[in-house]
Amino acid sequence: IMNINLIKTENDYNQALERLEVIFDSKRGTEEGDELELLGMLIDQYENEHFPIDLPDPIEAIKFRMDQMGYNQNDLAKIVGFKSRASEILSRKRKLSLEMIRQLHTELNIPTDVLIQSY
């Protein structure tokens, strides 16, 4: 019979990870399979609370995406309107407007929740 406890401490977390390794290949619908599913949810909840992942900086995300796509500042200027505006954005001298966020989301496929953060 399963004995699953909430993960409240780092020690609980480490024990849960050890148990997860033991039952990792359990079949769905079995008692160990159910334990694996519950343990996975508890570990996920603990990790989300204790190791949150921050969204990337908006300007770094733009630079990264431009690099991935082989875009230069001229390509960015076509998206945001002017070469000077592209330069000001990349040097953090100009904040992104709502319209720019929409355009960057559409053209560079950067999630809007990344772009709307302050920087």
N, C-alpha and C. Protein backbone atom coordinates (compact mmCIF):
# COMPACT_ATOMS: atom_id res chain seq x y z
N ILE A 1 0.85 -1.19 0.00
CA ILE A 1 0.00 0.00 0.00
C ILE A 1 0.89 1.24 0.00
N MET A 2 0.48 2.23 -0.81
CA MET A 2 1.24 3.46 -0.97
C MET A 2 1.28 4.28 0.30
N ASN A 3 2.41 4.93 0.51
CA ASN A 3 2.53 5.88 1.61
C ASN A 3 3.20 7.12 1.05
N ILE A 4 2.36 8.04 0.55
CA ILE A 4 2.90 9.26 -0.06
C ILE A 4 2.65 10.43 0.88
N ASN A 5 3.70 11.20 1.11
CA ASN A 5 3.59 12.38 1.96
C ASN A 5 3.84 13.63 1.13
N LEU A 6 3.34 14.76 1.62
CA LEU A 6 3.62 16.03 0.97
C LEU A 6 5.11 16.30 1.06
N ILE A 7 5.63 17.02 0.09
CA ILE A 7 7.05 17.37 0.09
C ILE A 7 7.17 18.76 0.68
N LYS A 8 7.69 18.81 1.92
CA LYS A 8 7.76 20.09 2.63
C LYS A 8 9.18 20.59 2.83
N THR A 9 10.15 19.68 2.80
CA THR A 9 11.54 20.05 3.06
C THR A 9 12.43 19.54 1.93
N GLU A 10 13.66 20.01 1.93
CA GLU A 10 14.62 19.54 0.93
C GLU A 10 14.88 18.05 1.10
N ASN A 11 14.87 17.58 2.35
CA ASN A 11 15.05 16.16 2.62
C ASN A 11 13.90 15.34 2.03
N ASP A 12 12.65 15.83 2.24
CA ASP A 12 11.48 15.16 1.64
C ASP A 12 11.64 15.10 0.12
N TYR A 13 12.09 16.21 -0.45
CA TYR A 13 12.27 16.31 -1.90
C TYR A 13 13.29 15.28 -2.39
N ASN A 14 14.43 15.20 -1.71
CA ASN A 14 15.47 14.24 -2.11
C ASN A 14 14.97 12.80 -1.99
N GLN A 15 14.22 12.50 -0.93
CA GLN A 15 13.66 11.16 -0.77
C GLN A 15 12.67 10.85 -1.88
N ALA A 16 11.86 11.85 -2.25
CA ALA A 16 10.89 11.67 -3.32
C ALA A 16 11.60 11.39 -4.65
N LEU A 17 12.69 12.10 -4.91
CA LEU A 17 13.45 11.86 -6.14
C LEU A 17 14.04 10.45 -6.17
N GLU A 18 14.54 10.00 -5.01
CA GLU A 18 15.09 8.64 -4.93
C GLU A 18 14.00 7.60 -5.21
N ARG A 19 12.82 7.80 -4.61
CA ARG A 19 11.72 6.87 -4.82
C ARG A 19 11.27 6.90 -6.28
N LEU A 20 11.26 8.08 -6.86
CA LEU A 20 10.85 8.24 -8.26
C LEU A 20 11.74 7.39 -9.17
N GLU A 21 13.05 7.38 -8.89
CA GLU A 21 13.97 6.58 -9.70
C GLU A 21 13.64 5.09 -9.61
N VAL A 22 13.25 4.64 -8.42
CA VAL A 22 12.95 3.22 -8.20
C VAL A 22 11.71 2.79 -9.00
N ILE A 23 10.68 3.66 -9.02
CA ILE A 23 9.40 3.28 -9.64
C ILE A 23 9.19 3.90 -11.02
N PHE A 24 10.24 4.48 -11.57
CA PHE A 24 10.11 5.26 -12.81
C PHE A 24 9.50 4.49 -13.98
N ASP A 25 9.76 3.22 -14.09
CA ASP A 25 9.26 2.43 -15.23
C ASP A 25 7.96 1.69 -14.93
N SER A 26 7.27 2.10 -13.87
CA SER A 26 6.01 1.44 -13.49
C SER A 26 4.96 1.62 -14.57
N LYS A 27 4.12 0.60 -14.70
CA LYS A 27 3.04 0.63 -15.70
C LYS A 27 1.86 1.45 -15.18
N ARG A 28 1.21 2.17 -16.10
CA ARG A 28 -0.01 2.93 -15.74
C ARG A 28 -1.08 1.97 -15.24
N GLY A 29 -1.84 2.44 -14.25
CA GLY A 29 -2.95 1.64 -13.76
C GLY A 29 -2.56 0.68 -12.66
N THR A 30 -1.26 0.51 -12.42
CA THR A 30 -0.82 -0.33 -11.31
C THR A 30 -0.67 0.56 -10.08
N GLU A 31 -0.52 -0.08 -8.92
CA GLU A 31 -0.36 0.71 -7.70
C GLU A 31 0.90 1.58 -7.79
N GLU A 32 2.00 1.00 -8.27
CA GLU A 32 3.23 1.80 -8.41
C GLU A 32 3.09 2.85 -9.51
N GLY A 33 2.29 2.56 -10.53
CA GLY A 33 2.04 3.54 -11.58
C GLY A 33 1.29 4.75 -11.02
N ASP A 34 0.31 4.49 -10.16
CA ASP A 34 -0.43 5.58 -9.50
C ASP A 34 0.49 6.38 -8.58
N GLU A 35 1.35 5.65 -7.85
CA GLU A 35 2.30 6.32 -6.96
C GLU A 35 3.24 7.22 -7.77
N LEU A 36 3.70 6.72 -8.92
CA LEU A 36 4.58 7.48 -9.80
C LEU A 36 3.91 8.78 -10.24
N GLU A 37 2.64 8.68 -10.62
CA GLU A 37 1.91 9.87 -11.08
C GLU A 37 1.75 10.89 -9.96
N LEU A 38 1.36 10.44 -8.77
CA LEU A 38 1.20 11.34 -7.62
C LEU A 38 2.53 11.96 -7.21
N LEU A 39 3.56 11.13 -7.16
CA LEU A 39 4.87 11.62 -6.77
C LEU A 39 5.37 12.67 -7.77
N GLY A 40 5.13 12.42 -9.06
CA GLY A 40 5.52 13.39 -10.09
C GLY A 40 4.85 14.74 -9.87
N MET A 41 3.56 14.72 -9.51
CA MET A 41 2.83 15.98 -9.27
C MET A 41 3.38 16.71 -8.06
N LEU A 42 3.67 15.96 -6.99
CA LEU A 42 4.20 16.58 -5.78
C LEU A 42 5.59 17.17 -6.01
N ILE A 43 6.43 16.44 -6.73
CA ILE A 43 7.77 16.94 -7.05
C ILE A 43 7.67 18.20 -7.91
N ASP A 44 6.79 18.17 -8.89
CA ASP A 44 6.59 19.33 -9.77
C ASP A 44 6.14 20.55 -8.96
N GLN A 45 5.21 20.35 -8.05
CA GLN A 45 4.71 21.46 -7.22
C GLN A 45 5.84 22.03 -6.36
N TYR A 46 6.63 21.15 -5.74
CA TYR A 46 7.74 21.59 -4.90
C TYR A 46 8.76 22.39 -5.73
N GLU A 47 9.09 21.87 -6.92
CA GLU A 47 10.07 22.55 -7.78
C GLU A 47 9.57 23.92 -8.24
N ASN A 48 8.29 24.00 -8.58
CA ASN A 48 7.73 25.29 -9.02
C ASN A 48 7.77 26.34 -7.91
N GLU A 49 7.57 25.89 -6.67
CA GLU A 49 7.60 26.82 -5.54
C GLU A 49 9.02 27.21 -5.14
N HIS A 50 9.95 26.26 -5.24
CA HIS A 50 11.30 26.49 -4.73
C HIS A 50 12.35 26.82 -5.79
N PHE A 51 12.06 26.49 -7.02
CA PHE A 51 13.02 26.78 -8.11
C PHE A 51 12.29 27.43 -9.28
N PRO A 52 11.67 28.60 -9.05
CA PRO A 52 10.93 29.21 -10.16
C PRO A 52 11.85 29.63 -11.29
N ILE A 53 11.35 29.52 -12.49
CA ILE A 53 12.14 29.91 -13.66
C ILE A 53 11.65 31.28 -14.12
N ASP A 54 12.55 32.24 -14.13
CA ASP A 54 12.18 33.58 -14.58
C ASP A 54 12.13 33.63 -16.10
N LEU A 55 11.26 34.48 -16.60
CA LEU A 55 11.21 34.69 -18.04
C LEU A 55 12.47 35.43 -18.48
N PRO A 56 12.90 35.20 -19.71
CA PRO A 56 14.10 35.92 -20.17
C PRO A 56 13.84 37.42 -20.33
N ASP A 57 14.90 38.18 -20.24
CA ASP A 57 14.84 39.62 -20.47
C ASP A 57 14.33 39.87 -21.89
N PRO A 58 13.39 40.83 -22.07
CA PRO A 58 12.81 41.07 -23.40
C PRO A 58 13.84 41.40 -24.49
N ILE A 59 14.80 42.26 -24.15
CA ILE A 59 15.79 42.67 -25.15
C ILE A 59 16.72 41.51 -25.49
N GLU A 60 17.10 40.74 -24.48
CA GLU A 60 17.93 39.56 -24.73
C GLU A 60 17.17 38.54 -25.58
N ALA A 61 15.87 38.41 -25.35
CA ALA A 61 15.04 37.50 -26.14
C ALA A 61 15.00 37.95 -27.60
N ILE A 62 14.88 39.26 -27.82
CA ILE A 62 14.87 39.80 -29.19
C ILE A 62 16.22 39.52 -29.86
N LYS A 63 17.31 39.82 -29.16
CA LYS A 63 18.65 39.60 -29.73
C LYS A 63 18.87 38.12 -30.04
N PHE A 64 18.44 37.25 -29.12
CA PHE A 64 18.61 35.81 -29.30
C PHE A 64 17.84 35.34 -30.53
N ARG A 65 16.60 35.79 -30.65
CA ARG A 65 15.75 35.38 -31.78
C ARG A 65 16.31 35.92 -33.10
N MET A 66 16.79 37.17 -33.09
CA MET A 66 17.39 37.74 -34.30
C MET A 66 18.59 36.89 -34.72
N ASP A 67 19.41 36.51 -33.75
CA ASP A 67 20.58 35.69 -34.03
C ASP A 67 20.17 34.34 -34.62
N GLN A 68 19.15 33.72 -34.02
CA GLN A 68 18.65 32.43 -34.52
C GLN A 68 18.18 32.53 -35.96
N MET A 69 17.53 33.65 -36.30
CA MET A 69 16.93 33.82 -37.62
C MET A 69 17.88 34.46 -38.62
N GLY A 70 19.10 34.81 -38.16
CA GLY A 70 20.05 35.45 -39.05
C GLY A 70 19.66 36.89 -39.38
N TYR A 71 18.90 37.52 -38.48
CA TYR A 71 18.46 38.90 -38.69
C TYR A 71 19.51 39.87 -38.17
N ASN A 72 19.58 41.04 -38.82
CA ASN A 72 20.44 42.11 -38.32
C ASN A 72 19.56 43.29 -37.92
N GLN A 73 20.18 44.40 -37.58
CA GLN A 73 19.44 45.57 -37.12
C GLN A 73 18.51 46.12 -38.22
N ASN A 74 18.92 46.00 -39.47
CA ASN A 74 18.06 46.45 -40.58
C ASN A 74 16.77 45.63 -40.64
N ASP A 75 16.88 44.32 -40.40
CA ASP A 75 15.70 43.46 -40.39
C ASP A 75 14.77 43.86 -39.24
N LEU A 76 15.37 44.17 -38.09
CA LEU A 76 14.57 44.61 -36.95
C LEU A 76 13.90 45.95 -37.27
N ALA A 77 14.61 46.83 -37.95
CA ALA A 77 14.05 48.13 -38.32
C ALA A 77 12.80 47.97 -39.19
N LYS A 78 12.81 46.97 -40.07
CA LYS A 78 11.63 46.72 -40.91
C LYS A 78 10.42 46.33 -40.06
N ILE A 79 10.67 45.68 -38.95
CA ILE A 79 9.59 45.24 -38.07
C ILE A 79 9.08 46.41 -37.21
N VAL A 80 9.99 47.20 -36.63
CA VAL A 80 9.58 48.26 -35.70
C VAL A 80 9.46 49.64 -36.33
N GLY A 81 9.81 49.77 -37.61
CA GLY A 81 9.55 51.03 -38.28
C GLY A 81 10.75 51.81 -38.74
N PHE A 82 11.72 52.05 -37.89
CA PHE A 82 12.87 52.88 -38.25
C PHE A 82 14.15 52.26 -37.73
N LYS A 83 15.25 52.53 -38.45
CA LYS A 83 16.56 52.02 -38.03
C LYS A 83 16.94 52.62 -36.67
N SER A 84 16.66 53.90 -36.49
CA SER A 84 17.01 54.55 -35.21
C SER A 84 16.21 53.92 -34.07
N ARG A 85 14.96 53.57 -34.33
CA ARG A 85 14.12 52.95 -33.31
C ARG A 85 14.68 51.57 -32.95
N ALA A 86 15.10 50.81 -33.94
CA ALA A 86 15.68 49.49 -33.69
C ALA A 86 16.93 49.62 -32.82
N SER A 87 17.77 50.59 -33.14
CA SER A 87 18.99 50.83 -32.37
C SER A 87 18.65 51.21 -30.93
N GLU A 88 17.67 52.09 -30.74
CA GLU A 88 17.27 52.53 -29.40
C GLU A 88 16.70 51.37 -28.58
N ILE A 89 15.96 50.48 -29.24
CA ILE A 89 15.40 49.32 -28.54
C ILE A 89 16.53 48.41 -28.07
N LEU A 90 17.44 48.08 -28.99
CA LEU A 90 18.54 47.15 -28.66
C LEU A 90 19.49 47.73 -27.61
N SER A 91 19.60 49.05 -27.55
CA SER A 91 20.47 49.67 -26.54
C SER A 91 19.69 50.07 -25.29
N ARG A 92 18.41 49.66 -25.23
CA ARG A 92 17.53 49.90 -24.08
C ARG A 92 17.21 51.36 -23.83
N LYS A 93 17.32 52.18 -24.87
CA LYS A 93 17.00 53.61 -24.72
C LYS A 93 15.53 53.89 -25.03
N ARG A 94 14.86 52.91 -25.63
CA ARG A 94 13.44 53.07 -25.97
C ARG A 94 12.68 51.85 -25.47
N LYS A 95 11.56 52.13 -24.79
CA LYS A 95 10.68 51.05 -24.33
C LYS A 95 9.87 50.53 -25.51
N LEU A 96 9.47 49.27 -25.42
CA LEU A 96 8.63 48.69 -26.47
C LEU A 96 7.20 49.19 -26.32
N SER A 97 6.62 49.65 -27.40
CA SER A 97 5.21 50.04 -27.38
C SER A 97 4.36 48.79 -27.58
N LEU A 98 3.08 48.91 -27.32
CA LEU A 98 2.18 47.79 -27.52
C LEU A 98 2.20 47.32 -28.97
N GLU A 99 2.24 48.27 -29.89
CA GLU A 99 2.28 47.93 -31.32
C GLU A 99 3.58 47.18 -31.66
N MET A 100 4.70 47.63 -31.11
CA MET A 100 5.98 46.95 -31.36
C MET A 100 5.93 45.53 -30.80
N ILE A 101 5.36 45.38 -29.60
CA ILE A 101 5.24 44.04 -28.99
C ILE A 101 4.43 43.13 -29.90
N ARG A 102 3.33 43.65 -30.43
CA ARG A 102 2.52 42.84 -31.36
C ARG A 102 3.32 42.45 -32.59
N GLN A 103 4.05 43.40 -33.17
CA GLN A 103 4.84 43.13 -34.37
C GLN A 103 5.96 42.13 -34.09
N LEU A 104 6.65 42.30 -32.98
CA LEU A 104 7.75 41.39 -32.63
C LEU A 104 7.22 39.98 -32.35
N HIS A 105 6.06 39.93 -31.71
CA HIS A 105 5.43 38.63 -31.45
C HIS A 105 5.10 37.93 -32.76
N THR A 106 4.51 38.67 -33.68
CA THR A 106 4.11 38.10 -34.97
C THR A 106 5.31 37.74 -35.84
N GLU A 107 6.25 38.67 -35.98
CA GLU A 107 7.37 38.49 -36.90
C GLU A 107 8.47 37.58 -36.36
N LEU A 108 8.76 37.69 -35.06
CA LEU A 108 9.87 36.92 -34.48
C LEU A 108 9.37 35.75 -33.63
N ASN A 109 8.06 35.67 -33.46
CA ASN A 109 7.45 34.57 -32.70
C ASN A 109 7.98 34.52 -31.26
N ILE A 110 8.13 35.69 -30.64
CA ILE A 110 8.53 35.77 -29.23
C ILE A 110 7.25 35.90 -28.41
N PRO A 111 7.09 35.09 -27.37
CA PRO A 111 5.86 35.17 -26.57
C PRO A 111 5.64 36.58 -26.00
N THR A 112 4.41 37.02 -26.04
CA THR A 112 4.10 38.37 -25.55
C THR A 112 4.41 38.52 -24.06
N ASP A 113 4.25 37.44 -23.26
CA ASP A 113 4.54 37.58 -21.84
C ASP A 113 6.02 37.86 -21.57
N VAL A 114 6.88 37.50 -22.51
CA VAL A 114 8.30 37.85 -22.40
C VAL A 114 8.48 39.31 -22.77
N LEU A 115 7.84 39.74 -23.85
CA LEU A 115 8.05 41.11 -24.37
C LEU A 115 7.46 42.21 -23.47
N ILE A 116 6.40 41.90 -22.72
CA ILE A 116 5.74 42.97 -21.95
C ILE A 116 6.44 43.26 -20.62
N GLN A 117 7.41 42.44 -20.24
CA GLN A 117 8.10 42.68 -18.97
C GLN A 117 8.87 43.99 -19.03
N SER A 118 9.02 44.61 -17.85
CA SER A 118 9.81 45.83 -17.82
C SER A 118 11.29 45.45 -17.82
N TYR A 119 12.11 46.37 -18.29
CA TYR A 119 13.56 46.12 -18.33
C TYR A 119 14.31 47.38 -18.07
